[in-house]
Amino acid sequence: MSLSALLSSARALGPLAPHPHDLDAWWRDAEPRWPEGAESVARAFLAGAHADRLAFAFAGGYEAALGRLDPSLTARGFAALCASEARGAHPRAIESTLVDCGDHWRLDGEKRFISGGPLAATLLVIATVGTRDGRPALKAAVLDRDTPGVTLTEALALPMVPELPHCGARFEAVRVSAHQLRAGDAYTEVLKPFRTLEDLHVWAAALGLAFRCLNGRDPEGRARARLAECLATLTALGREDPNDRGVHVVMAALWPRTREALEALFHGVEGEPGARLRRDLGLLRVADKARTARDAAALGWLAAAP
């Protein structure tokens, strides 16, 4: 999908308009409107353009990121990454276990915070299989939510984006076949790249929502042109290896000014939509600690290059 076609689609939607207040209803209404075969960043941008709030935009960007990681995850609808536990989502904090039982694997453990979990048909679960060279060895299992031994549990409510449901999950003697395990180490093949992919796609979705907010309020098109410039960069980055340090260098430069522009724009939206956007602005700063560490590593690598 060309950049001009993408912008035309968002422009044709007109000014910001209310959608159903239920994420599932919004998803069923918006998802079929995204062009078949469109790149994942384009899908995220269009999701944001079809949204009227950050909760829905985030959900669209999150799903586009999972689809970019592995298209099979979102083939049956909403999917969710199950990583965070009582001590966080860092490899050393993951205590859920996968044990090789010969003809199958056994999954046991508990996850504390799963974005969109109550709506997910597919769960991507991170668990440890022991250690390797003194470091945690992780695997990722792809499960249907109704797999025997899987129980969804309540999660703490957030002070923002209340329309985005969360849950925890308990896994008790869950039988996992070999073909349900993703190849490779789950840190390098899932957690690390998804951290980057989630940022790229959620940012693109936020740009789509911002573009929609400007329809009818940007007579010369200059504000939307600046958003289009950011979108073009995100689209290019979305085609690259998400573990590439060059991608992280560009993200370190792009995000601070993009977030500042988005926050200023959302502060200018009036009425109930504006109040909701301002309530949820903290979403743009979630995972700042991990993002700052990634930026520092990327810029340190660039500074040290000969």
Protein backbone atom coordinates (compact mmCIF):
# COMPACT_ATOMS: atom_id res chain seq x y z
CA MET A 1 0.00 0.00 0.00
CA SER A 2 1.56 3.30 -1.07
CA LEU A 3 2.05 6.14 1.36
CA SER A 4 -0.37 8.33 -0.61
CA ALA A 5 -3.04 5.60 -0.52
CA LEU A 6 -2.52 5.21 3.22
CA LEU A 7 -2.88 8.94 3.86
CA SER A 8 -5.89 9.15 1.55
CA SER A 9 -7.60 6.36 3.50
CA ALA A 10 -7.06 8.19 6.79
CA ARG A 11 -8.12 11.53 5.30
CA ALA A 12 -11.33 10.02 3.88
CA LEU A 13 -12.46 9.03 7.38
CA GLY A 14 -13.14 12.67 8.18
CA PRO A 15 -13.01 14.25 11.66
CA LEU A 16 -12.75 12.18 14.82
CA ALA A 17 -16.02 10.33 15.50
CA PRO A 18 -17.13 8.13 18.40
CA HIS A 19 -16.90 4.36 18.14
CA PRO A 20 -18.45 1.62 20.29
CA HIS A 21 -17.04 1.82 23.80
CA ASP A 22 -16.21 -1.89 23.75
CA LEU A 23 -12.83 -2.98 22.36
CA ASP A 24 -14.21 -6.22 20.95
CA ALA A 25 -16.96 -4.36 19.07
CA TRP A 26 -14.46 -1.80 17.74
CA TRP A 27 -12.09 -4.58 16.64
CA ARG A 28 -14.83 -6.46 14.77
CA ASP A 29 -15.85 -3.21 13.05
CA ALA A 30 -12.37 -1.86 12.21
CA GLU A 31 -10.24 -4.92 11.41
CA PRO A 32 -12.06 -5.93 8.19
CA ARG A 33 -11.45 -2.43 6.80
CA TRP A 34 -7.67 -2.85 6.69
CA PRO A 35 -6.42 -3.79 3.20
CA GLU A 36 -5.43 -7.42 2.72
CA GLY A 37 -1.67 -7.74 2.41
CA ALA A 38 -0.89 -4.27 3.79
CA GLU A 39 2.39 -3.97 5.68
CA SER A 40 2.13 -4.22 9.43
CA VAL A 41 3.00 -0.56 10.10
CA ALA A 42 0.33 0.51 7.62
CA ARG A 43 -2.20 -1.71 9.41
CA ALA A 44 -1.24 -0.14 12.72
CA PHE A 45 -1.62 3.38 11.33
CA LEU A 46 -5.06 2.56 9.90
CA ALA A 47 -6.09 0.98 13.20
CA GLY A 48 -5.27 4.25 14.94
CA ALA A 49 -7.11 6.25 12.28
CA HIS A 50 -10.23 4.13 12.86
CA ALA A 51 -9.97 4.61 16.64
CA ASP A 52 -11.33 7.41 18.78
CA ARG A 53 -9.16 6.72 21.82
CA LEU A 54 -5.68 5.53 22.74
CA ALA A 55 -6.91 2.20 24.13
CA PHE A 56 -8.20 1.12 20.73
CA ALA A 57 -5.18 2.54 18.89
CA PHE A 58 -2.84 0.67 21.21
CA ALA A 59 -4.73 -2.58 20.66
CA GLY A 60 -4.47 -2.19 16.89
CA GLY A 61 -0.75 -1.43 17.07
CA TYR A 62 -0.11 -4.30 19.48
CA GLU A 63 -1.86 -6.79 17.21
CA ALA A 64 -0.02 -5.48 14.16
CA ALA A 65 3.27 -5.94 16.03
CA LEU A 66 2.42 -9.55 16.93
CA GLY A 67 1.45 -10.15 13.31
CA ARG A 68 4.79 -8.76 12.17
CA LEU A 69 6.58 -11.06 14.62
CA ASP A 70 4.63 -14.09 13.35
CA PRO A 71 1.59 -13.78 11.06
CA SER A 72 0.20 -17.10 12.30
CA LEU A 73 -0.35 -15.61 15.77
CA THR A 74 -3.10 -13.25 14.59
CA ALA A 75 -4.58 -15.50 11.89
CA ARG A 76 -7.47 -16.48 14.18
CA GLY A 77 -8.13 -13.05 15.64
CA PHE A 78 -6.77 -11.30 18.72
CA ALA A 79 -3.53 -12.69 20.19
CA ALA A 80 -1.64 -11.85 23.39
CA LEU A 81 1.93 -12.16 24.63
CA CYS A 82 2.16 -13.74 28.08
CA ALA A 83 5.49 -12.74 29.61
CA SER A 84 5.16 -10.58 32.74
CA GLU A 85 5.25 -12.36 36.09
CA ALA A 86 5.41 -11.28 39.72
CA ARG A 87 8.98 -9.97 39.28
CA GLY A 88 8.51 -8.58 35.76
CA ALA A 89 9.26 -9.75 32.23
CA HIS A 90 13.06 -9.78 32.30
CA PRO A 91 14.46 -13.24 31.48
CA ARG A 92 15.66 -13.73 35.08
CA ALA A 93 12.19 -12.82 36.39
CA ILE A 94 10.39 -15.56 34.45
CA GLU A 95 9.66 -18.58 36.65
CA SER A 96 7.06 -20.37 34.52
CA THR A 97 8.57 -23.67 33.38
CA LEU A 98 8.47 -25.91 30.34
CA VAL A 99 9.63 -29.44 31.12
CA ASP A 100 10.43 -32.02 28.44
CA CYS A 101 8.36 -35.13 29.19
CA GLY A 102 9.50 -37.11 26.16
CA ASP A 103 6.44 -37.17 23.92
CA HIS A 104 5.30 -33.68 25.00
CA TRP A 105 6.27 -30.68 27.14
CA ARG A 106 4.59 -29.67 30.42
CA LEU A 107 3.91 -25.98 31.12
CA ASP A 108 3.41 -24.69 34.68
CA GLY A 109 3.42 -21.15 36.02
CA GLU A 110 1.54 -17.90 36.36
CA LYS A 111 1.48 -14.64 34.41
CA ARG A 112 0.40 -11.41 36.05
CA PHE A 113 -0.39 -8.90 33.29
CA ILE A 114 -1.56 -9.77 29.75
CA SER A 115 -2.70 -6.90 27.52
CA GLY A 116 -5.91 -7.83 25.73
CA GLY A 117 -5.82 -11.28 27.31
CA PRO A 118 -9.58 -11.61 27.89
CA LEU A 119 -10.19 -11.22 24.13
CA ALA A 120 -7.29 -13.35 22.90
CA ALA A 121 -7.87 -16.54 20.94
CA THR A 122 -4.13 -17.28 20.88
CA LEU A 123 -1.59 -16.97 23.71
CA LEU A 124 2.16 -16.72 23.18
CA VAL A 125 3.58 -17.92 26.51
CA ILE A 126 7.20 -17.41 27.60
CA ALA A 127 8.69 -19.97 30.01
CA THR A 128 12.10 -21.18 31.13
CA VAL A 129 13.59 -24.52 30.14
CA GLY A 130 16.57 -24.15 32.49
CA THR A 131 19.84 -22.31 32.01
CA ARG A 132 22.46 -22.10 29.30
CA ASP A 133 25.95 -20.74 30.01
CA GLY A 134 24.68 -19.43 33.33
CA ARG A 135 21.79 -17.49 31.76
CA PRO A 136 18.06 -18.31 31.61
CA ALA A 137 17.09 -20.36 28.57
CA LEU A 138 13.59 -19.42 27.42
CA LYS A 139 11.11 -20.96 25.00
CA ALA A 140 7.82 -19.64 23.64
CA ALA A 141 4.73 -21.82 23.38
CA VAL A 142 1.74 -20.97 21.18
CA LEU A 143 -1.53 -22.05 22.85
CA ASP A 144 -5.25 -21.77 22.28
CA ARG A 145 -6.84 -19.95 25.21
CA ASP A 146 -9.19 -22.90 25.86
CA THR A 147 -6.34 -25.41 26.23
CA PRO A 148 -6.91 -27.66 29.29
CA GLY A 149 -4.96 -26.36 32.29
CA VAL A 150 -5.11 -22.70 31.19
CA THR A 151 -7.08 -20.41 33.51
CA LEU A 152 -7.40 -16.65 33.00
CA THR A 153 -7.28 -14.61 36.22
CA GLU A 154 -7.99 -11.01 37.20
CA ALA A 155 -5.31 -8.35 36.71
CA LEU A 156 -4.89 -5.06 38.53
CA ALA A 157 -6.86 -2.22 36.96
CA LEU A 158 -4.89 0.59 35.32
CA PRO A 159 -5.56 4.29 35.98
CA MET A 160 -5.62 4.79 32.19
CA VAL A 161 -7.05 3.09 29.07
CA PRO A 162 -9.81 1.28 31.04
CA GLU A 163 -11.32 0.15 27.71
CA LEU A 164 -8.28 -2.10 27.14
CA PRO A 165 -8.93 -5.30 29.14
CA HIS A 166 -6.08 -7.07 30.92
CA CYS A 167 -5.85 -10.33 32.78
CA GLY A 168 -3.44 -12.77 34.36
CA ALA A 169 -3.16 -16.46 33.57
CA ARG A 170 -2.41 -19.67 35.43
CA PHE A 171 -0.90 -22.69 33.69
CA GLU A 172 -1.24 -26.02 35.47
CA ALA A 173 0.21 -29.15 33.88
CA VAL A 174 -0.57 -27.81 30.40
CA ARG A 175 0.33 -30.34 27.72
CA VAL A 176 2.35 -28.68 24.94
CA SER A 177 3.36 -30.51 21.77
CA ALA A 178 6.70 -29.92 20.06
CA HIS A 179 5.06 -28.16 17.10
CA GLN A 180 3.55 -25.59 19.50
CA LEU A 181 7.03 -24.40 20.51
CA ARG A 182 8.63 -21.62 18.50
CA ALA A 183 12.14 -22.31 17.26
CA GLY A 184 15.08 -20.61 18.94
CA ASP A 185 15.55 -18.82 22.22
CA ALA A 186 12.49 -16.82 23.25
CA TYR A 187 14.55 -13.86 24.44
CA THR A 188 16.36 -13.24 21.14
CA GLU A 189 13.50 -14.43 18.91
CA VAL A 190 10.46 -13.05 20.79
CA LEU A 191 10.99 -10.74 23.78
CA LYS A 192 13.79 -8.58 22.39
CA PRO A 193 12.37 -8.07 18.88
CA PHE A 194 8.83 -7.61 20.18
CA ARG A 195 9.95 -4.77 22.44
CA THR A 196 11.05 -2.93 19.29
CA LEU A 197 8.10 -4.04 17.14
CA GLU A 198 5.57 -3.02 19.78
CA ASP A 199 7.06 0.48 19.93
CA LEU A 200 7.13 0.90 16.15
CA HIS A 201 3.56 -0.26 15.68
CA VAL A 202 1.99 1.44 18.70
CA TRP A 203 3.68 4.68 17.64
CA ALA A 204 2.27 4.23 14.14
CA ALA A 205 -1.21 3.66 15.59
CA ALA A 206 -0.88 6.80 17.73
CA LEU A 207 0.08 8.71 14.56
CA GLY A 208 -3.07 7.37 12.87
CA LEU A 209 -5.23 8.57 15.74
CA ALA A 210 -3.48 11.97 15.69
CA PHE A 211 -3.99 12.22 11.91
CA ARG A 212 -7.71 11.57 12.43
CA CYS A 213 -7.84 14.24 15.14
CA LEU A 214 -6.42 16.75 12.64
CA ASN A 215 -8.93 16.02 9.87
CA GLY A 216 -10.99 19.19 9.54
CA ARG A 217 -8.57 21.13 11.79
CA ASP A 218 -5.50 21.36 9.54
CA PRO A 219 -6.53 23.49 6.51
CA GLU A 220 -3.02 23.73 5.02
CA GLY A 221 -2.13 20.10 5.78
CA ARG A 222 1.19 21.00 7.39
CA ALA A 223 0.53 19.27 10.71
CA ARG A 224 -0.56 16.07 8.99
CA ALA A 225 2.47 16.31 6.70
CA ARG A 226 4.72 16.18 9.76
CA LEU A 227 2.88 13.06 10.93
CA ALA A 228 3.31 11.57 7.46
CA GLU A 229 7.06 12.17 7.70
CA CYS A 230 7.20 10.18 10.94
CA LEU A 231 5.01 7.46 9.43
CA ALA A 232 7.35 7.10 6.44
CA THR A 233 10.27 6.55 8.82
CA LEU A 234 8.35 4.01 10.88
CA THR A 235 7.34 2.18 7.70
CA ALA A 236 10.97 1.90 6.64
CA LEU A 237 12.04 0.74 10.11
CA GLY A 238 9.24 -1.83 10.15
CA ARG A 239 10.84 -3.59 7.19
CA GLU A 240 14.17 -4.02 8.97
CA ASP A 241 15.37 -6.64 11.45
CA PRO A 242 13.97 -5.38 14.80
CA ASN A 243 17.18 -6.49 16.54
CA ASP A 244 19.34 -4.29 14.29
CA ARG A 245 21.15 -1.57 16.23
CA GLY A 246 20.69 0.89 13.38
CA VAL A 247 16.92 0.63 13.87
CA HIS A 248 17.38 1.43 17.54
CA VAL A 249 19.59 4.44 16.73
CA VAL A 250 16.86 5.96 14.56
CA MET A 251 14.19 5.19 17.15
CA ALA A 252 16.26 6.93 19.84
CA ALA A 253 16.21 10.10 17.73
CA LEU A 254 12.64 9.81 16.46
CA TRP A 255 10.56 9.02 19.52
CA PRO A 256 11.23 11.97 21.89
CA ARG A 257 10.14 14.59 19.35
CA THR A 258 7.29 12.44 18.07
CA ARG A 259 5.93 11.90 21.57
CA GLU A 260 6.21 15.61 22.32
CA ALA A 261 4.24 16.42 19.17
CA LEU A 262 1.57 13.81 19.96
CA GLU A 263 1.16 15.01 23.54
CA ALA A 264 0.80 18.62 22.38
CA LEU A 265 -1.73 17.63 19.72
CA PHE A 266 -3.83 15.48 22.06
CA HIS A 267 -3.85 18.28 24.65
CA GLY A 268 -5.53 20.46 22.02
CA VAL A 269 -8.47 18.13 21.37
CA GLU A 270 -11.67 19.46 22.92
CA GLY A 271 -14.61 17.86 24.70
CA GLU A 272 -14.95 14.28 25.90
CA PRO A 273 -12.51 12.85 23.33
CA GLY A 274 -9.85 15.31 24.47
CA ALA A 275 -10.43 14.52 28.14
CA ARG A 276 -10.06 10.82 27.40
CA LEU A 277 -6.88 11.38 25.38
CA ARG A 278 -5.33 13.45 28.17
CA ARG A 279 -6.30 10.81 30.74
CA ASP A 280 -4.44 8.18 28.74
CA LEU A 281 -1.29 10.09 27.75
CA GLY A 282 0.72 8.04 30.25
CA LEU A 283 0.42 5.15 27.79
CA LEU A 284 2.99 6.91 25.60
CA ARG A 285 5.52 6.64 28.44
CA VAL A 286 4.93 3.01 29.43
CA ALA A 287 8.17 0.97 29.22
CA ASP A 288 10.30 4.13 29.29
CA LYS A 289 12.90 2.37 31.43
CA ALA A 290 13.44 -0.39 28.88
CA ARG A 291 13.31 2.13 26.04
CA THR A 292 15.93 4.34 27.69
CA ALA A 293 18.24 1.36 28.16
CA ARG A 294 17.82 0.36 24.51
CA ASP A 295 18.49 3.93 23.36
CA ALA A 296 21.62 4.19 25.51
CA ALA A 297 22.98 0.92 24.16
CA ALA A 298 22.29 1.95 20.55
CA LEU A 299 23.81 5.42 20.92
CA GLY A 300 26.78 3.98 22.81
CA TRP A 301 27.35 1.55 19.94
CA LEU A 302 27.15 4.42 17.43
CA ALA A 303 29.53 6.61 19.40
CA ALA A 304 32.06 3.77 19.69
CA ALA A 305 32.01 2.93 15.99
CA PRO A 306 35.34 3.63 14.19
